[in-house]
Protein backbone atom coordinates (compact mmCIF):
# COMPACT_ATOMS: atom_id res chain seq x y z
CA MET A 1 24.55 -1.65 -3.32
CA GLN A 2 23.91 -0.05 0.05
CA ARG A 3 21.98 -2.11 2.58
CA GLN A 4 19.03 -0.45 4.26
CA SER A 5 18.59 -0.52 8.00
CA LEU A 6 15.38 -0.29 9.97
CA VAL A 7 14.91 2.54 12.45
CA GLU A 8 12.24 3.13 15.09
CA VAL A 9 10.22 6.29 14.55
CA ARG A 10 7.35 7.81 16.50
CA VAL A 11 4.21 8.33 14.40
CA LEU A 12 1.70 10.93 15.60
CA TYR A 13 -1.85 10.93 14.24
CA PHE A 14 -3.97 14.08 14.28
CA ALA A 15 -7.74 14.72 14.00
CA LYS A 16 -9.41 12.40 11.46
CA SER A 17 -6.24 10.37 10.94
CA ARG A 18 -6.20 9.68 14.70
CA ASP A 19 -9.84 8.58 14.59
CA LEU A 20 -9.26 6.27 11.62
CA ALA A 21 -6.00 4.82 12.97
CA GLY A 22 -7.55 4.28 16.39
CA THR A 23 -4.49 5.69 18.15
CA ALA A 24 -2.84 9.05 18.78
CA GLU A 25 0.71 7.74 18.42
CA GLU A 26 2.80 4.63 18.00
CA ILE A 27 6.38 3.52 17.49
CA ILE A 28 7.03 1.67 14.22
CA LYS A 29 10.08 0.37 12.35
CA VAL A 30 10.70 1.76 8.89
CA PRO A 31 13.64 1.74 6.45
CA ASP A 32 16.19 4.44 7.22
CA ARG A 33 15.91 5.78 3.65
CA VAL A 34 12.40 6.22 2.22
CA THR A 35 10.41 8.40 -0.11
CA SER A 36 7.32 10.20 1.17
CA GLN A 37 5.18 7.84 -0.93
CA LEU A 38 6.75 4.71 0.60
CA LEU A 39 6.41 6.13 4.10
CA LEU A 40 2.74 6.89 3.47
CA GLU A 41 2.19 3.36 2.13
CA ILE A 42 3.84 1.82 5.20
CA ILE A 43 1.57 3.85 7.49
CA THR A 44 -1.65 3.22 5.55
CA ASP A 45 -0.85 -0.50 5.27
CA ARG A 46 -0.74 -0.59 9.09
CA HIS A 47 -4.09 1.21 9.34
CA ILE A 48 -6.18 0.27 6.30
CA GLU A 49 -8.90 2.77 7.27
CA LEU A 50 -6.46 5.60 6.46
CA LYS A 51 -6.51 4.57 2.79
CA THR A 52 -9.88 6.36 2.47
CA ILE A 53 -8.08 9.71 2.95
CA GLN A 54 -4.58 8.68 1.82
CA GLN A 55 -4.53 11.04 -1.18
CA ASN A 56 -5.16 14.01 1.12
CA LEU A 57 -2.80 13.17 3.97
CA ILE A 58 0.19 15.38 4.68
CA LEU A 59 3.31 14.00 6.34
CA ALA A 60 5.88 15.89 8.37
CA VAL A 61 9.23 14.59 9.63
CA ASN A 62 10.47 16.36 12.75
CA GLN A 63 7.97 19.18 12.07
CA ASP A 64 9.11 19.69 8.45
CA TYR A 65 6.51 18.93 5.78
CA ILE A 66 7.54 16.39 3.16
CA SER A 67 6.10 15.64 -0.28
CA GLU A 68 6.87 13.64 -3.41
CA GLU A 69 9.27 16.44 -4.38
CA SER A 70 11.29 15.78 -1.21
CA GLY A 71 12.92 12.76 -2.85
CA GLU A 72 14.53 10.18 -0.61
CA ILE A 73 14.46 11.02 3.08
CA GLN A 74 17.06 9.89 5.62
CA LEU A 75 15.38 8.80 8.87
CA SER A 76 17.00 8.11 12.24
CA THR A 77 15.78 6.29 15.32
CA GLY A 78 13.66 8.67 17.38
CA ASP A 79 12.47 10.78 14.45
CA GLU A 80 8.89 11.99 14.66
CA ILE A 81 6.46 11.48 11.78
CA ALA A 82 3.22 13.49 11.88
CA VAL A 83 0.21 12.28 9.89
CA ILE A 84 -1.95 15.31 9.20
CA PRO A 85 -5.36 15.03 7.53
CA PRO A 86 -6.83 17.73 5.33
CA LEU A 87 -8.05 20.66 7.37
CA SER A 88 -11.68 21.63 7.14
CA GLY A 89 -13.92 24.10 8.80
CA GLY A 90 -14.94 27.60 8.27
């Protein structure tokens, strides 16, 4: 069984996710191998207010969108996670 390590990643919050999280960015420690669902849970557990829009949030790792279909993701210290809320307007 492979042991997981923790890595420090930079999380960026945009638009409504920034308002709900109360910050534009932060550095957090996460497992080096995660699924998109686990990563989203880690972030929304830190900022409970984000749970109100959790189903609509989009995540990107180093500017590449990820989803449940992405499977397990390998993260490294210094990676950038973007938390993008649903876009609205017209």
